[in-house]
N, C-alpha and C. Protein backbone atom coordinates (compact mmCIF):
# COMPACT_ATOMS: atom_id res chain seq x y z
N SER A 1 -7.09 -28.43 -11.97
CA SER A 1 -7.12 -27.17 -11.38
C SER A 1 -8.54 -27.16 -10.18
N GLN A 2 -8.17 -26.34 -9.22
CA GLN A 2 -9.22 -26.17 -8.30
C GLN A 2 -10.06 -24.99 -8.56
N ILE A 3 -11.48 -25.10 -8.42
CA ILE A 3 -12.23 -23.80 -8.56
C ILE A 3 -12.86 -23.29 -7.05
N VAL A 4 -12.67 -22.25 -6.78
CA VAL A 4 -13.25 -21.79 -5.41
C VAL A 4 -14.34 -20.90 -5.67
N ASP A 5 -15.49 -21.14 -5.34
CA ASP A 5 -16.73 -20.42 -5.35
C ASP A 5 -16.63 -19.30 -4.23
N PHE A 6 -16.06 -17.95 -4.44
CA PHE A 6 -15.81 -17.16 -3.31
C PHE A 6 -17.34 -16.53 -2.94
N ASN A 7 -18.23 -16.48 -3.84
CA ASN A 7 -19.65 -16.21 -3.31
C ASN A 7 -20.28 -17.29 -2.26
N LYS A 8 -19.98 -18.33 -2.28
CA LYS A 8 -20.55 -19.39 -1.49
C LYS A 8 -19.53 -19.30 -0.04
N ILE A 9 -18.32 -18.98 -0.16
CA ILE A 9 -17.48 -18.73 0.93
C ILE A 9 -17.93 -17.53 1.83
N ARG A 10 -18.46 -16.70 1.09
CA ARG A 10 -18.83 -15.18 1.72
C ARG A 10 -20.00 -15.51 2.52
N LEU A 11 -20.80 -16.54 2.05
CA LEU A 11 -22.12 -16.73 2.86
C LEU A 11 -22.17 -17.43 4.19
N VAL A 12 -20.97 -17.90 4.26
CA VAL A 12 -20.46 -18.93 5.60
C VAL A 12 -20.81 -18.03 6.87
N ALA A 13 -21.55 -18.33 7.91
CA ALA A 13 -21.48 -17.24 9.05
C ALA A 13 -20.15 -17.51 9.69
N PRO A 14 -19.75 -16.41 10.50
CA PRO A 14 -18.37 -16.46 11.01
C PRO A 14 -18.24 -17.55 12.18
N ALA A 15 -19.36 -17.96 12.91
CA ALA A 15 -19.07 -19.04 13.69
C ALA A 15 -18.90 -20.33 12.98
N ALA A 16 -19.87 -20.53 12.05
CA ALA A 16 -19.60 -21.69 11.06
C ALA A 16 -18.46 -21.80 10.40
N ALA A 17 -17.97 -20.64 10.10
CA ALA A 17 -16.66 -20.58 9.34
C ALA A 17 -15.54 -21.10 10.31
N ALA A 18 -15.45 -20.50 11.45
CA ALA A 18 -14.46 -20.89 12.48
C ALA A 18 -14.50 -22.39 12.78
N ALA A 19 -15.74 -22.85 12.94
CA ALA A 19 -16.06 -24.18 13.20
C ALA A 19 -15.31 -25.01 11.95
N ALA A 20 -15.92 -24.58 10.84
CA ALA A 20 -15.44 -25.38 9.55
C ALA A 20 -13.87 -25.53 9.64
N SER A 21 -13.39 -24.27 9.83
CA SER A 21 -11.90 -24.13 9.55
C SER A 21 -10.99 -25.12 10.63
N SER A 22 -11.69 -25.14 11.95
CA SER A 22 -10.95 -25.83 12.79
C SER A 22 -10.87 -27.24 12.67
N LEU A 23 -11.98 -27.62 11.70
CA LEU A 23 -12.41 -28.99 11.49
C LEU A 23 -11.18 -29.79 10.43
N LEU A 24 -10.90 -28.74 9.53
CA LEU A 24 -9.93 -29.07 8.48
C LEU A 24 -8.71 -29.19 8.88
N SER A 25 -7.98 -30.36 8.60
CA SER A 25 -6.55 -30.49 8.61
C SER A 25 -5.58 -29.55 8.09
N PRO A 26 -4.44 -29.28 8.25
CA PRO A 26 -3.66 -28.38 7.38
C PRO A 26 -3.39 -29.25 5.94
N VAL A 27 -3.49 -30.49 5.91
CA VAL A 27 -3.37 -31.06 4.62
C VAL A 27 -4.29 -30.74 3.67
N ALA A 28 -5.64 -30.43 4.21
CA ALA A 28 -6.84 -29.91 3.50
C ALA A 28 -6.68 -28.72 2.71
N TRP A 29 -5.65 -27.91 3.26
CA TRP A 29 -5.46 -26.43 2.77
C TRP A 29 -4.07 -26.40 2.25
N SER A 30 -3.48 -27.49 1.95
CA SER A 30 -2.01 -27.61 1.50
C SER A 30 -1.77 -27.23 0.03
N ALA A 31 -2.81 -27.48 -0.97
CA ALA A 31 -2.76 -27.28 -2.24
C ALA A 31 -2.23 -25.98 -2.74
N PRO A 32 -1.32 -25.96 -3.66
CA PRO A 32 -0.66 -24.60 -4.28
C PRO A 32 -1.98 -23.67 -4.51
N GLY A 33 -1.84 -22.51 -4.06
CA GLY A 33 -2.93 -21.54 -4.40
C GLY A 33 -4.25 -21.49 -3.40
N ASP A 34 -4.32 -22.37 -2.52
CA ASP A 34 -5.50 -22.39 -1.62
C ASP A 34 -5.55 -21.06 -0.74
N LEU A 35 -6.59 -20.55 -0.37
CA LEU A 35 -6.70 -19.57 0.64
C LEU A 35 -6.09 -19.97 2.04
N ASP A 36 -5.38 -18.96 2.57
CA ASP A 36 -4.96 -19.49 3.98
C ASP A 36 -6.17 -18.94 5.04
N PRO A 37 -6.70 -20.00 5.60
CA PRO A 37 -7.90 -19.82 6.53
C PRO A 37 -7.24 -19.03 7.65
N SER A 38 -6.19 -18.88 7.99
CA SER A 38 -5.76 -18.27 9.38
C SER A 38 -5.37 -16.77 9.07
N PHE A 39 -5.76 -16.24 7.69
CA PHE A 39 -5.52 -14.91 7.47
C PHE A 39 -6.75 -14.12 7.12
N GLY A 40 -7.50 -13.25 7.99
CA GLY A 40 -8.52 -12.61 7.67
C GLY A 40 -9.75 -13.73 7.75
N ASP A 41 -10.67 -13.40 6.85
CA ASP A 41 -11.80 -13.96 6.51
C ASP A 41 -11.65 -15.27 5.63
N LEU A 42 -11.27 -16.41 6.19
CA LEU A 42 -10.68 -17.38 5.57
C LEU A 42 -10.01 -17.16 4.22
N GLY A 43 -8.87 -16.26 4.61
CA GLY A 43 -7.94 -16.19 3.43
C GLY A 43 -8.09 -14.48 2.80
N ARG A 44 -9.04 -13.95 3.08
CA ARG A 44 -9.23 -12.63 2.58
C ARG A 44 -9.57 -11.59 3.65
N ALA A 45 -8.57 -10.36 3.62
CA ALA A 45 -8.80 -9.29 4.54
C ALA A 45 -9.27 -7.98 3.75
N LEU A 46 -10.29 -7.47 4.17
CA LEU A 46 -10.91 -6.15 3.95
C LEU A 46 -10.18 -4.87 4.34
N TYR A 47 -10.07 -4.07 3.66
CA TYR A 47 -9.45 -2.59 4.15
C TYR A 47 -10.74 -1.66 3.90
N ALA A 48 -11.27 -1.43 5.07
CA ALA A 48 -12.75 -0.52 4.92
C ALA A 48 -12.60 0.78 5.35
N ASP A 49 -11.36 1.50 5.36
CA ASP A 49 -10.97 2.76 5.83
C ASP A 49 -11.05 3.69 4.59
N ALA A 50 -11.24 3.21 3.34
CA ALA A 50 -11.31 4.29 2.23
C ALA A 50 -11.84 3.56 1.17
N PHE A 51 -12.57 4.41 0.07
CA PHE A 51 -13.09 3.90 -1.20
C PHE A 51 -11.95 3.91 -2.05
N GLY A 52 -11.27 2.84 -2.75
CA GLY A 52 -10.37 3.07 -3.65
C GLY A 52 -9.58 1.85 -3.82
N GLU A 53 -8.31 1.89 -4.18
CA GLU A 53 -7.39 0.90 -4.57
C GLU A 53 -6.30 0.80 -3.78
N VAL A 54 -6.00 -0.54 -3.52
CA VAL A 54 -4.47 -0.71 -3.03
C VAL A 54 -3.73 -1.14 -4.26
N TRP A 55 -2.58 -0.71 -4.19
CA TRP A 55 -1.62 -0.91 -5.46
C TRP A 55 -0.50 -1.78 -5.27
N SER A 56 -0.15 -1.82 -4.07
CA SER A 56 1.20 -2.65 -3.60
C SER A 56 1.25 -3.20 -2.44
N VAL A 57 1.87 -4.24 -2.24
CA VAL A 57 1.95 -4.92 -0.80
C VAL A 57 3.40 -5.25 -0.71
N ALA A 58 4.04 -5.34 0.90
CA ALA A 58 5.26 -5.68 0.93
C ALA A 58 5.20 -6.36 2.53
N MET A 59 5.98 -7.23 2.61
CA MET A 59 6.05 -7.88 4.02
C MET A 59 7.00 -7.25 4.79
N ASP A 60 6.48 -7.20 6.29
CA ASP A 60 7.00 -6.46 7.18
C ASP A 60 7.05 -7.47 8.54
N GLY A 61 8.22 -8.36 8.23
CA GLY A 61 8.07 -9.66 9.15
C GLY A 61 7.02 -10.31 8.65
N ASP A 62 6.04 -10.64 9.59
CA ASP A 62 4.91 -11.56 9.22
C ASP A 62 3.71 -10.66 8.82
N ASP A 63 3.86 -9.39 9.02
CA ASP A 63 2.76 -8.50 8.91
C ASP A 63 2.81 -8.11 7.28
N VAL A 64 1.63 -7.37 6.77
CA VAL A 64 1.53 -7.16 5.49
C VAL A 64 1.46 -5.52 5.34
N LEU A 65 2.38 -4.99 4.77
CA LEU A 65 2.23 -3.34 4.44
C LEU A 65 1.59 -3.32 3.01
N PHE A 66 0.61 -2.28 3.01
CA PHE A 66 0.06 -1.80 1.69
C PHE A 66 0.03 -0.66 1.48
N ASP A 67 -0.10 -0.26 0.26
CA ASP A 67 -0.25 1.30 -0.02
C ASP A 67 -1.38 1.56 -1.13
N GLY A 68 -1.84 2.59 -1.56
CA GLY A 68 -2.93 2.84 -2.53
C GLY A 68 -3.35 4.48 -2.49
N SER A 69 -4.55 4.49 -3.10
CA SER A 69 -5.24 5.71 -2.93
C SER A 69 -6.75 5.53 -2.95
N GLY A 70 -7.35 6.71 -2.35
CA GLY A 70 -8.85 6.50 -2.28
C GLY A 70 -9.51 7.71 -1.79
N SER A 71 -10.71 7.63 -1.48
CA SER A 71 -11.55 8.69 -0.90
C SER A 71 -12.18 8.02 0.49
N ASP A 72 -12.02 8.97 1.47
CA ASP A 72 -12.71 8.57 2.74
C ASP A 72 -14.46 9.04 2.66
N ALA A 73 -14.62 9.75 1.63
CA ALA A 73 -16.21 9.84 1.34
C ALA A 73 -16.64 9.34 0.27
N SER A 74 -18.13 9.16 0.16
CA SER A 74 -18.70 8.65 -0.95
C SER A 74 -18.50 9.48 -2.18
N TYR A 75 -18.65 8.69 -3.27
CA TYR A 75 -18.56 9.62 -4.58
C TYR A 75 -19.72 10.62 -4.79
N TYR A 76 -20.92 10.26 -4.14
CA TYR A 76 -21.87 11.32 -4.15
C TYR A 76 -22.09 12.43 -3.17
N SER A 77 -21.29 12.09 -1.90
CA SER A 77 -21.35 13.29 -0.89
C SER A 77 -20.11 14.11 -0.88
N GLY A 78 -19.12 13.45 -1.70
CA GLY A 78 -17.84 14.68 -1.32
C GLY A 78 -16.58 13.66 -2.04
N TYR A 79 -15.51 14.40 -2.00
CA TYR A 79 -14.15 13.86 -2.41
C TYR A 79 -13.10 14.29 -1.75
N ASP A 80 -12.57 13.28 -1.01
CA ASP A 80 -11.41 13.66 -0.20
C ASP A 80 -10.35 12.81 -0.45
N PHE A 81 -9.65 12.77 -1.57
CA PHE A 81 -8.72 12.11 -2.24
C PHE A 81 -7.24 11.95 -1.35
N ALA A 82 -6.92 10.78 -1.08
CA ALA A 82 -5.79 10.80 -0.25
C ALA A 82 -4.96 9.39 -0.70
N GLY A 83 -3.56 9.50 -0.55
CA GLY A 83 -2.79 8.23 -0.80
C GLY A 83 -2.67 7.71 0.71
N PHE A 84 -2.73 6.46 0.90
CA PHE A 84 -2.72 5.77 2.18
C PHE A 84 -1.47 4.73 2.15
N ILE A 85 -1.16 4.64 3.41
CA ILE A 85 -0.07 3.30 3.78
C ILE A 85 -0.69 2.76 5.08
N ASP A 86 -0.75 1.56 5.14
CA ASP A 86 -1.29 0.78 6.28
C ASP A 86 -0.65 -0.51 6.58
N ARG A 87 -1.06 -1.18 7.59
CA ARG A 87 -0.58 -2.61 7.68
C ARG A 87 -1.53 -3.46 8.27
N PHE A 88 -1.48 -4.84 7.86
CA PHE A 88 -2.33 -5.83 8.49
C PHE A 88 -1.40 -6.62 9.33
N SER A 89 -1.76 -7.06 10.33
CA SER A 89 -1.26 -8.12 11.18
C SER A 89 -1.03 -9.31 10.46
N SER A 90 -0.37 -10.42 10.89
CA SER A 90 -0.19 -11.79 10.25
C SER A 90 -1.41 -12.44 10.13
N ASP A 91 -2.40 -12.22 10.97
CA ASP A 91 -3.81 -12.70 11.13
C ASP A 91 -4.83 -12.06 9.92
N GLY A 92 -4.36 -11.15 9.32
CA GLY A 92 -5.30 -10.43 8.43
C GLY A 92 -6.17 -9.13 9.06
N THR A 93 -6.01 -8.71 10.34
CA THR A 93 -6.51 -7.75 10.96
C THR A 93 -5.76 -6.46 10.92
N PRO A 94 -6.56 -5.44 10.91
CA PRO A 94 -5.76 -4.19 10.98
C PRO A 94 -4.72 -4.08 12.09
N ASP A 95 -3.49 -3.66 11.99
CA ASP A 95 -2.65 -3.55 13.00
C ASP A 95 -2.89 -2.49 13.92
N SER A 96 -3.28 -2.65 15.11
CA SER A 96 -3.71 -1.58 16.00
C SER A 96 -2.39 -0.90 16.50
N LEU A 97 -1.06 -1.24 16.37
CA LEU A 97 -0.20 -0.70 16.78
C LEU A 97 0.48 0.30 15.63
N PHE A 98 0.03 0.24 14.43
CA PHE A 98 0.29 1.02 13.22
C PHE A 98 -0.82 1.94 12.92
N PRO A 99 -0.60 3.30 13.10
CA PRO A 99 -1.56 4.43 13.03
C PRO A 99 -2.03 4.44 11.50
N GLY A 100 -1.40 3.96 10.61
CA GLY A 100 -2.04 4.22 9.38
C GLY A 100 -1.50 5.75 8.87
N PHE A 101 -1.44 5.77 7.65
CA PHE A 101 -0.98 7.15 7.24
C PHE A 101 -1.72 7.69 5.90
N ARG A 102 -2.20 8.88 5.93
CA ARG A 102 -2.91 9.56 4.79
C ARG A 102 -2.00 10.68 4.19
N LEU A 103 -2.03 10.95 3.10
CA LEU A 103 -1.44 12.12 2.42
C LEU A 103 -2.39 12.65 1.52
N ALA A 104 -2.97 13.68 1.59
CA ALA A 104 -3.85 14.36 0.78
C ALA A 104 -3.32 14.60 -0.46
N ASN A 105 -4.19 14.44 -1.40
CA ASN A 105 -4.14 14.81 -2.78
C ASN A 105 -2.88 13.87 -3.43
N ALA A 106 -2.69 12.63 -2.89
CA ALA A 106 -1.86 11.65 -3.51
C ALA A 106 -2.21 10.36 -3.86
N ASP A 107 -1.28 9.76 -4.53
CA ASP A 107 -1.66 8.35 -5.04
C ASP A 107 -0.38 7.50 -4.93
N PHE A 108 -0.40 6.59 -3.92
CA PHE A 108 0.81 5.90 -3.65
C PHE A 108 0.84 4.47 -4.65
N ARG A 109 1.85 4.03 -5.29
CA ARG A 109 1.87 2.94 -6.14
C ARG A 109 2.73 1.77 -5.76
N ASP A 110 3.60 2.13 -5.13
CA ASP A 110 4.52 1.15 -4.77
C ASP A 110 5.22 1.32 -3.36
N ILE A 111 5.35 0.32 -2.66
CA ILE A 111 5.76 0.17 -1.10
C ILE A 111 6.87 -0.73 -0.78
N ALA A 112 7.82 -0.39 -0.04
CA ALA A 112 9.06 -1.34 0.32
C ALA A 112 9.44 -0.83 1.67
N ARG A 113 9.93 -1.93 2.32
CA ARG A 113 10.40 -1.88 3.62
C ARG A 113 12.04 -1.89 3.80
N GLN A 114 12.66 -0.96 4.22
CA GLN A 114 14.06 -0.69 4.42
C GLN A 114 14.45 -1.92 5.35
N SER A 115 15.85 -2.31 5.38
CA SER A 115 16.30 -3.14 6.43
C SER A 115 16.21 -2.54 7.67
N ASP A 116 16.16 -1.30 8.04
CA ASP A 116 16.01 -0.91 9.30
C ASP A 116 14.74 -0.49 9.77
N GLY A 117 13.82 -1.11 8.94
CA GLY A 117 12.40 -0.95 9.39
C GLY A 117 11.58 0.16 8.89
N LYS A 118 12.26 1.16 8.33
CA LYS A 118 11.62 2.34 7.72
C LYS A 118 10.78 1.96 6.68
N ILE A 119 9.72 2.79 6.16
CA ILE A 119 8.74 2.15 5.18
C ILE A 119 8.74 3.37 4.13
N LEU A 120 8.81 2.93 2.76
CA LEU A 120 9.05 3.81 1.77
C LEU A 120 7.74 3.45 0.84
N ALA A 121 7.11 4.59 0.41
CA ALA A 121 5.89 4.42 -0.73
C ALA A 121 6.34 5.40 -1.74
N ALA A 122 6.19 5.16 -3.03
CA ALA A 122 6.18 5.97 -4.27
C ALA A 122 4.97 6.25 -5.03
N GLY A 123 4.82 7.19 -5.34
CA GLY A 123 3.78 7.71 -6.41
C GLY A 123 3.63 8.76 -6.77
N ARG A 124 2.58 9.43 -6.54
CA ARG A 124 2.50 10.98 -7.06
C ARG A 124 1.61 11.82 -6.10
N VAL A 125 2.08 13.32 -6.13
CA VAL A 125 1.19 14.15 -5.11
C VAL A 125 1.00 15.46 -6.05
N TYR A 126 -0.18 15.90 -5.93
CA TYR A 126 -0.77 17.00 -6.45
C TYR A 126 -0.51 18.43 -5.59
N ASP A 127 -0.04 19.36 -6.11
CA ASP A 127 0.03 20.68 -5.57
C ASP A 127 -1.42 21.25 -5.41
N SER A 128 -1.38 22.54 -4.66
CA SER A 128 -2.58 23.33 -4.86
C SER A 128 -3.18 23.82 -6.24
N GLY A 129 -2.06 23.75 -7.19
CA GLY A 129 -2.52 24.13 -8.52
C GLY A 129 -2.84 22.98 -9.34
N GLY A 130 -3.09 21.71 -8.79
CA GLY A 130 -3.14 20.67 -9.60
C GLY A 130 -2.15 20.07 -10.29
N ARG A 131 -1.00 20.62 -10.13
CA ARG A 131 0.12 19.88 -10.87
C ARG A 131 0.76 18.69 -10.08
N ALA A 132 0.89 17.59 -10.85
CA ALA A 132 1.51 16.31 -10.03
C ALA A 132 3.00 16.28 -10.09
N GLY A 133 3.67 15.70 -9.17
CA GLY A 133 5.14 15.30 -9.04
C GLY A 133 5.31 13.93 -8.61
N ILE A 134 6.56 13.41 -8.94
CA ILE A 134 6.57 12.05 -8.38
C ILE A 134 7.03 12.31 -6.93
N ALA A 135 6.31 11.49 -6.19
CA ALA A 135 6.38 11.52 -4.58
C ALA A 135 7.03 10.46 -3.99
N VAL A 136 8.01 10.44 -2.90
CA VAL A 136 8.50 9.44 -2.33
C VAL A 136 8.14 9.80 -0.96
N MET A 137 7.65 8.85 -0.10
CA MET A 137 7.07 9.17 1.49
C MET A 137 8.12 8.01 2.22
N ARG A 138 8.66 8.53 3.32
CA ARG A 138 9.28 7.61 4.16
C ARG A 138 8.57 7.72 5.51
N LEU A 139 8.07 6.51 6.22
CA LEU A 139 7.74 6.57 7.48
C LEU A 139 8.78 5.70 8.17
N LEU A 140 8.92 6.25 9.68
CA LEU A 140 9.75 5.30 10.63
C LEU A 140 8.93 4.11 10.92
N ALA A 141 9.49 3.07 11.39
CA ALA A 141 8.95 1.86 11.68
C ALA A 141 7.53 1.89 12.44
N ASP A 142 7.22 2.83 13.32
CA ASP A 142 6.21 3.01 13.96
C ASP A 142 4.91 3.45 13.32
N GLY A 143 5.29 4.01 11.93
CA GLY A 143 4.30 4.52 11.06
C GLY A 143 4.03 6.14 11.03
N SER A 144 4.95 6.79 11.72
CA SER A 144 5.16 8.14 11.74
C SER A 144 5.97 8.47 10.53
N PRO A 145 5.82 9.93 10.06
CA PRO A 145 6.57 10.31 8.91
C PRO A 145 8.20 10.59 9.38
N ASP A 146 9.03 10.32 8.65
CA ASP A 146 10.48 10.35 8.97
C ASP A 146 10.88 11.89 8.36
N ALA A 147 11.16 12.68 9.56
CA ALA A 147 11.36 14.07 9.46
C ALA A 147 12.79 14.32 8.89
N GLY A 148 13.48 13.26 8.86
CA GLY A 148 14.85 13.43 8.39
C GLY A 148 14.95 12.95 6.95
N PHE A 149 13.79 12.74 6.15
CA PHE A 149 13.85 12.38 4.68
C PHE A 149 13.12 13.62 4.13
N GLY A 150 13.62 14.25 3.14
CA GLY A 150 13.16 15.28 2.25
C GLY A 150 12.54 16.39 3.35
N SER A 151 11.23 16.83 3.08
CA SER A 151 10.54 17.74 3.77
C SER A 151 9.55 17.06 4.72
N GLY A 152 9.69 16.99 6.03
CA GLY A 152 8.91 16.25 6.68
C GLY A 152 8.52 14.90 6.33
N GLY A 153 9.18 14.08 5.70
CA GLY A 153 8.97 12.76 5.33
C GLY A 153 8.61 12.59 3.88
N THR A 154 8.69 13.80 3.12
CA THR A 154 8.21 13.46 1.55
C THR A 154 9.15 14.35 0.71
N VAL A 155 9.46 13.58 -0.34
CA VAL A 155 10.22 14.40 -1.38
C VAL A 155 9.35 14.22 -2.74
N VAL A 156 9.07 15.28 -3.18
CA VAL A 156 8.48 15.40 -4.42
C VAL A 156 9.21 16.19 -5.59
N VAL A 157 9.34 15.32 -6.83
CA VAL A 157 10.16 15.69 -7.88
C VAL A 157 9.18 16.12 -8.95
N LYS A 158 9.15 17.35 -9.42
CA LYS A 158 8.22 17.70 -10.61
C LYS A 158 9.18 17.64 -11.82
N ALA A 159 8.28 17.55 -12.89
CA ALA A 159 8.63 17.50 -14.25
C ALA A 159 9.17 18.95 -14.65
N SER A 160 9.70 19.15 -15.55
CA SER A 160 10.00 20.56 -16.23
C SER A 160 8.92 21.07 -16.84
N GLY A 161 8.70 22.44 -16.93
CA GLY A 161 7.54 23.01 -17.64
C GLY A 161 6.24 22.69 -16.96
N ALA A 162 5.17 22.59 -17.56
CA ALA A 162 3.84 22.45 -16.80
C ALA A 162 3.58 20.85 -16.89
N LEU A 163 4.52 20.04 -17.24
CA LEU A 163 4.08 18.46 -17.42
C LEU A 163 3.85 18.02 -15.86
N ASN A 164 2.73 16.96 -15.89
CA ASN A 164 2.69 16.13 -14.72
C ASN A 164 3.50 14.81 -14.71
N GLN A 165 3.98 14.39 -13.58
CA GLN A 165 4.50 13.19 -13.72
C GLN A 165 4.21 12.40 -12.35
N GLY A 166 4.32 11.19 -12.41
CA GLY A 166 4.17 10.17 -11.08
C GLY A 166 4.78 8.93 -11.23
N GLY A 167 5.29 8.55 -9.96
CA GLY A 167 5.93 7.15 -9.94
C GLY A 167 5.17 5.91 -9.89
N THR A 168 5.62 4.63 -10.36
CA THR A 168 4.84 3.41 -10.40
C THR A 168 5.50 2.53 -9.92
N SER A 169 6.86 2.52 -9.77
CA SER A 169 7.79 1.35 -9.50
C SER A 169 8.93 2.21 -8.67
N MET A 170 9.42 1.30 -7.62
CA MET A 170 10.54 1.68 -6.78
C MET A 170 11.38 0.56 -6.47
N VAL A 171 12.79 0.85 -6.50
CA VAL A 171 13.73 -0.14 -5.87
C VAL A 171 14.53 0.50 -4.91
N LEU A 172 14.92 -0.31 -3.80
CA LEU A 172 15.81 0.21 -2.83
C LEU A 172 16.98 -0.22 -3.06
N GLU A 173 18.27 0.43 -3.25
CA GLU A 173 19.30 0.04 -3.65
C GLU A 173 20.30 -0.40 -2.43
N PRO A 174 21.29 -1.25 -2.67
CA PRO A 174 22.22 -1.65 -1.57
C PRO A 174 22.62 -0.52 -0.76
N ASP A 175 22.96 0.51 -1.20
CA ASP A 175 23.86 1.58 -0.58
C ASP A 175 22.69 2.65 0.07
N GLY A 176 21.37 2.31 0.05
CA GLY A 176 20.38 3.25 0.30
C GLY A 176 19.75 3.98 -0.43
N ARG A 177 20.36 4.35 -1.69
CA ARG A 177 19.68 5.21 -2.53
C ARG A 177 18.32 4.30 -3.02
N ILE A 178 17.56 5.14 -3.60
CA ILE A 178 16.07 4.95 -3.98
C ILE A 178 15.80 5.34 -5.37
N THR A 179 15.50 4.49 -6.28
CA THR A 179 15.37 4.59 -7.59
C THR A 179 13.68 4.41 -7.96
N VAL A 180 13.25 5.34 -8.62
CA VAL A 180 11.77 5.38 -8.74
C VAL A 180 11.52 5.57 -10.26
N ALA A 181 10.76 4.73 -10.85
CA ALA A 181 10.27 4.78 -12.38
C ALA A 181 8.91 5.21 -12.55
N GLY A 182 8.53 5.96 -13.48
CA GLY A 182 7.41 6.55 -13.70
C GLY A 182 6.88 7.03 -15.13
N VAL A 183 5.93 7.78 -15.14
CA VAL A 183 5.65 8.39 -16.45
C VAL A 183 5.18 9.79 -16.34
N ARG A 184 5.40 10.66 -17.32
CA ARG A 184 4.88 11.88 -17.45
C ARG A 184 3.35 11.83 -18.28
N ASP A 185 2.83 12.99 -18.15
CA ASP A 185 1.49 13.05 -18.75
C ASP A 185 1.61 13.26 -20.37
N ASP A 186 2.73 13.36 -20.79
CA ASP A 186 2.99 13.36 -22.33
C ASP A 186 3.44 11.87 -22.79
N GLY A 187 3.51 10.90 -22.01
CA GLY A 187 3.59 9.51 -22.05
C GLY A 187 5.04 9.19 -22.21
N LYS A 188 6.03 9.96 -21.79
CA LYS A 188 7.47 9.65 -21.68
C LYS A 188 7.79 8.95 -20.38
N LEU A 189 8.78 8.08 -20.41
CA LEU A 189 9.03 7.40 -19.18
C LEU A 189 9.99 8.35 -18.44
N VAL A 190 10.10 8.06 -17.02
CA VAL A 190 10.96 9.03 -16.30
C VAL A 190 11.47 8.08 -15.18
N VAL A 191 12.90 8.25 -14.97
CA VAL A 191 13.49 7.47 -13.75
C VAL A 191 14.26 8.54 -12.86
N VAL A 192 13.82 8.58 -11.56
CA VAL A 192 14.81 9.51 -10.63
C VAL A 192 15.13 8.61 -9.66
N ARG A 193 16.53 8.94 -9.22
CA ARG A 193 17.13 8.44 -8.09
C ARG A 193 17.38 9.38 -7.06
N LEU A 194 17.11 8.96 -5.76
CA LEU A 194 17.24 9.92 -4.47
C LEU A 194 18.40 9.13 -3.89
N THR A 195 19.10 10.09 -3.08
CA THR A 195 20.01 9.76 -2.06
C THR A 195 19.21 9.10 -0.85
N SER A 196 19.94 8.58 0.19
CA SER A 196 19.18 7.81 1.12
C SER A 196 18.48 8.71 2.08
N ASP A 197 18.86 9.98 2.21
CA ASP A 197 18.09 10.99 2.99
C ASP A 197 16.95 11.85 2.04
N GLY A 198 16.84 11.48 0.91
CA GLY A 198 15.83 12.21 0.21
C GLY A 198 16.47 13.42 -0.48
């Protein structure tokens, strides 16, 4: 097996890294599991727009879609919690043609791309009373909310009573329906299926 010391890789200056990667033949990077030097910083791309976590990735042609949740402010100065959907170009840089999307008080856990280019993300969203429901968000291929899906691009399915619930996994079915699995805060599993228009 091959051991990669990421600390040493990070210390390489950008110019030196570019020179080093240009001197290496494709054969030198062909071992299974090697980082792809043509993507981001020698195989790693950093998302600097939020403090938080990326939960899921999906391919959009050669580009990489991803979603998650985080805060645009530091923990000590404030808390602006939001779910995000964004895209890296095939070279690992933020896609300037994709505006990125934020939904306040949300947490996205799975992402998928429909055959027509529309983008779906599933997770949870909290209402003004702090109650969470399973959320499914659909964006058009250009990254704007799909007004023909649910309410302004978002569908929220709440649990009965005062329980919270959130989606963790999503499957796009061949007929266009969307199935989301998740969990309620009493620990019980929940599966919901939406029609193609939400």
